């Protein structure tokens, strides 16, 4: 999604509790901007994860650069769409990594 990335990992430990984590890199902005983005992500998770999250899974929301300017209603719709895709079993294909060059 344009405002964030959602990663979901099924723990497969039999515990139905949903866990959530938030991260915003320094590329997004200074500490004030990153903390504001994390607060927005927490509010989204508080609203949508209890109903749309995957039980027994870890959910990680990674804030993107354009997420701080996006409207809250738009971010809510995007997270709902992302959770629906995860629930249906759809996911983005894994991108192949380029080969590593040895360090000398």
C-alpha atoms as a PDB file:
ATOM      1  CA  UNK A   1       0.000   0.000   0.000  1.00  0.00           C
ATOM      2  CA  UNK A   2       1.243   3.537  -0.589  1.00  0.00           C
ATOM      3  CA  UNK A   3       1.155   4.598   3.067  1.00  0.00           C
ATOM      4  CA  UNK A   4       2.539   1.473   4.721  1.00  0.00           C
ATOM      5  CA  UNK A   5       3.639  -2.120   4.279  1.00  0.00           C
ATOM      6  CA  UNK A   6       1.845  -4.899   6.147  1.00  0.00           C
ATOM      7  CA  UNK A   7       3.726  -8.083   6.979  1.00  0.00           C
ATOM      8  CA  UNK A   8       1.896 -11.004   8.588  1.00  0.00           C
ATOM      9  CA  UNK A   9       3.641 -14.074   9.982  1.00  0.00           C
ATOM     10  CA  UNK A  10       1.696 -17.043  11.354  1.00  0.00           C
ATOM     11  CA  UNK A  11       3.480 -18.161  14.521  1.00  0.00           C
ATOM     12  CA  UNK A  12       1.945 -21.671  14.465  1.00  0.00           C
ATOM     13  CA  UNK A  13       2.294 -21.961  18.230  1.00  0.00           C
ATOM     14  CA  UNK A  14      -1.373 -22.580  19.037  1.00  0.00           C
ATOM     15  CA  UNK A  15      -1.787 -19.229  20.802  1.00  0.00           C
ATOM     16  CA  UNK A  16      -4.697 -17.295  19.215  1.00  0.00           C
ATOM     17  CA  UNK A  17      -3.383 -13.918  20.388  1.00  0.00           C
ATOM     18  CA  UNK A  18      -2.623 -11.371  17.676  1.00  0.00           C
ATOM     19  CA  UNK A  19       0.579  -9.405  18.124  1.00  0.00           C
ATOM     20  CA  UNK A  20       1.380  -6.191  16.349  1.00  0.00           C
ATOM     21  CA  UNK A  21       4.553  -4.204  15.768  1.00  0.00           C
ATOM     22  CA  UNK A  22       5.278  -0.835  14.207  1.00  0.00           C
ATOM     23  CA  UNK A  23       8.379   0.515  12.567  1.00  0.00           C
ATOM     24  CA  UNK A  24       9.235   3.649  10.620  1.00  0.00           C
ATOM     25  CA  UNK A  25      12.723   4.136   9.204  1.00  0.00           C
ATOM     26  CA  UNK A  26      14.798   7.291   9.333  1.00  0.00           C
ATOM     27  CA  UNK A  27      14.222   7.705   5.608  1.00  0.00           C
ATOM     28  CA  UNK A  28      10.685   8.888   6.425  1.00  0.00           C
ATOM     29  CA  UNK A  29      11.788  11.897   8.443  1.00  0.00           C
ATOM     30  CA  UNK A  30      13.021  13.144  11.785  1.00  0.00           C
ATOM     31  CA  UNK A  31      11.922  11.721  15.148  1.00  0.00           C
ATOM     32  CA  UNK A  32       8.817  13.899  15.350  1.00  0.00           C
ATOM     33  CA  UNK A  33       7.564  12.732  11.945  1.00  0.00           C
ATOM     34  CA  UNK A  34       8.390   9.078  12.664  1.00  0.00           C
ATOM     35  CA  UNK A  35       6.577   9.169  16.013  1.00  0.00           C
ATOM     36  CA  UNK A  36       3.543  10.804  14.409  1.00  0.00           C
ATOM     37  CA  UNK A  37       3.493   8.061  11.784  1.00  0.00           C
ATOM     38  CA  UNK A  38       3.717   5.375  14.470  1.00  0.00           C
ATOM     39  CA  UNK A  39       0.784   6.961  16.330  1.00  0.00           C
ATOM     40  CA  UNK A  40      -1.256   6.881  13.137  1.00  0.00           C
ATOM     41  CA  UNK A  41      -0.358   3.217  12.574  1.00  0.00           C
ATOM     42  CA  UNK A  42      -1.284   2.360  16.175  1.00  0.00           C
ATOM     43  CA  UNK A  43      -4.687   4.006  15.730  1.00  0.00           C
ATOM     44  CA  UNK A  44      -5.287   2.049  12.525  1.00  0.00           C
ATOM     45  CA  UNK A  45      -4.318  -1.220  14.187  1.00  0.00           C
ATOM     46  CA  UNK A  46      -6.498  -0.506  17.217  1.00  0.00           C
ATOM     47  CA  UNK A  47      -9.494   0.077  14.926  1.00  0.00           C
ATOM     48  CA  UNK A  48      -9.093  -2.715  12.376  1.00  0.00           C
ATOM     49  CA  UNK A  49      -6.940  -5.562  13.705  1.00  0.00           C
ATOM     50  CA  UNK A  50      -9.401  -6.985  16.268  1.00  0.00           C
ATOM     51  CA  UNK A  51     -11.944  -7.675  13.513  1.00  0.00           C
ATOM     52  CA  UNK A  52      -9.741  -8.203  10.450  1.00  0.00           C
ATOM     53  CA  UNK A  53      -6.449  -9.549  11.796  1.00  0.00           C
ATOM     54  CA  UNK A  54      -5.298 -13.141  11.638  1.00  0.00           C
ATOM     55  CA  UNK A  55      -5.530 -14.927  15.015  1.00  0.00           C
ATOM     56  CA  UNK A  56      -2.240 -16.430  16.114  1.00  0.00           C
ATOM     57  CA  UNK A  57      -0.180 -14.221  13.816  1.00  0.00           C
ATOM     58  CA  UNK A  58       2.295 -11.383  14.162  1.00  0.00           C
ATOM     59  CA  UNK A  59       1.328  -8.243  12.232  1.00  0.00           C
ATOM     60  CA  UNK A  60       4.010  -5.667  11.415  1.00  0.00           C
ATOM     61  CA  UNK A  61       3.114  -2.273   9.986  1.00  0.00           C
ATOM     62  CA  UNK A  62       6.022  -0.476   8.331  1.00  0.00           C
ATOM     63  CA  UNK A  63       5.406   3.204   7.678  1.00  0.00           C
ATOM     64  CA  UNK A  64       6.271   4.527   4.242  1.00  0.00           C
ATOM     65  CA  UNK A  65       7.364   7.981   3.227  1.00  0.00           C
ATOM     66  CA  UNK A  66       3.988   9.158   1.897  1.00  0.00           C
ATOM     67  CA  UNK A  67       1.967   7.800   4.809  1.00  0.00           C
ATOM     68  CA  UNK A  68       2.152  10.877   6.997  1.00  0.00           C
ATOM     69  CA  UNK A  69       0.404  13.079   4.400  1.00  0.00           C
ATOM     70  CA  UNK A  70      -2.324  10.556   3.545  1.00  0.00           C
ATOM     71  CA  UNK A  71      -5.832  11.017   4.872  1.00  0.00           C
ATOM     72  CA  UNK A  72      -6.776   8.820   7.850  1.00  0.00           C
ATOM     73  CA  UNK A  73      -9.859   7.487   6.046  1.00  0.00           C
ATOM     74  CA  UNK A  74      -7.705   6.511   3.075  1.00  0.00           C
ATOM     75  CA  UNK A  75      -5.191   4.714   5.322  1.00  0.00           C
ATOM     76  CA  UNK A  76      -8.081   2.915   7.043  1.00  0.00           C
ATOM     77  CA  UNK A  77      -9.425   1.728   3.700  1.00  0.00           C
ATOM     78  CA  UNK A  78      -5.962   0.592   2.605  1.00  0.00           C
ATOM     79  CA  UNK A  79      -5.385  -1.402   5.791  1.00  0.00           C
ATOM     80  CA  UNK A  80      -8.817  -3.001   5.451  1.00  0.00           C
ATOM     81  CA  UNK A  81      -7.978  -3.956   1.885  1.00  0.00           C
ATOM     82  CA  UNK A  82      -4.589  -5.363   2.914  1.00  0.00           C
ATOM     83  CA  UNK A  83      -6.119  -7.415   5.745  1.00  0.00           C
ATOM     84  CA  UNK A  84      -8.768  -8.765   3.361  1.00  0.00           C
ATOM     85  CA  UNK A  85      -6.060  -9.840   0.893  1.00  0.00           C
ATOM     86  CA  UNK A  86      -4.159 -11.610   3.676  1.00  0.00           C
ATOM     87  CA  UNK A  87      -7.341 -13.343   4.866  1.00  0.00           C
ATOM     88  CA  UNK A  88      -7.998 -14.587   1.310  1.00  0.00           C
ATOM     89  CA  UNK A  89      -4.486 -15.982   1.153  1.00  0.00           C
ATOM     90  CA  UNK A  90      -3.260 -13.543  -1.471  1.00  0.00           C
ATOM     91  CA  UNK A  91       0.190 -12.124  -1.052  1.00  0.00           C
ATOM     92  CA  UNK A  92       2.718 -10.347  -3.141  1.00  0.00           C
ATOM     93  CA  UNK A  93       5.194 -12.630  -4.875  1.00  0.00           C
ATOM     94  CA  UNK A  94       8.617 -12.739  -3.334  1.00  0.00           C
ATOM     95  CA  UNK A  95      11.103 -10.636  -5.235  1.00  0.00           C
ATOM     96  CA  UNK A  96      14.293 -12.481  -6.106  1.00  0.00           C
ATOM     97  CA  UNK A  97      17.355 -11.022  -4.455  1.00  0.00           C
ATOM     98  CA  UNK A  98      20.358 -10.134  -6.564  1.00  0.00           C
ATOM     99  CA  UNK A  99      23.460 -12.224  -5.919  1.00  0.00           C
ATOM    100  CA  UNK A 100      25.753 -10.894  -3.206  1.00  0.00           C
ATOM    101  CA  UNK A 101      29.148  -9.652  -4.139  1.00  0.00           C
ATOM    102  CA  UNK A 102      31.944 -10.842  -1.856  1.00  0.00           C
ATOM    103  CA  UNK A 103      33.650  -8.193   0.253  1.00  0.00           C
ATOM    104  CA  UNK A 104      37.382  -7.959   0.065  1.00  0.00           C
END
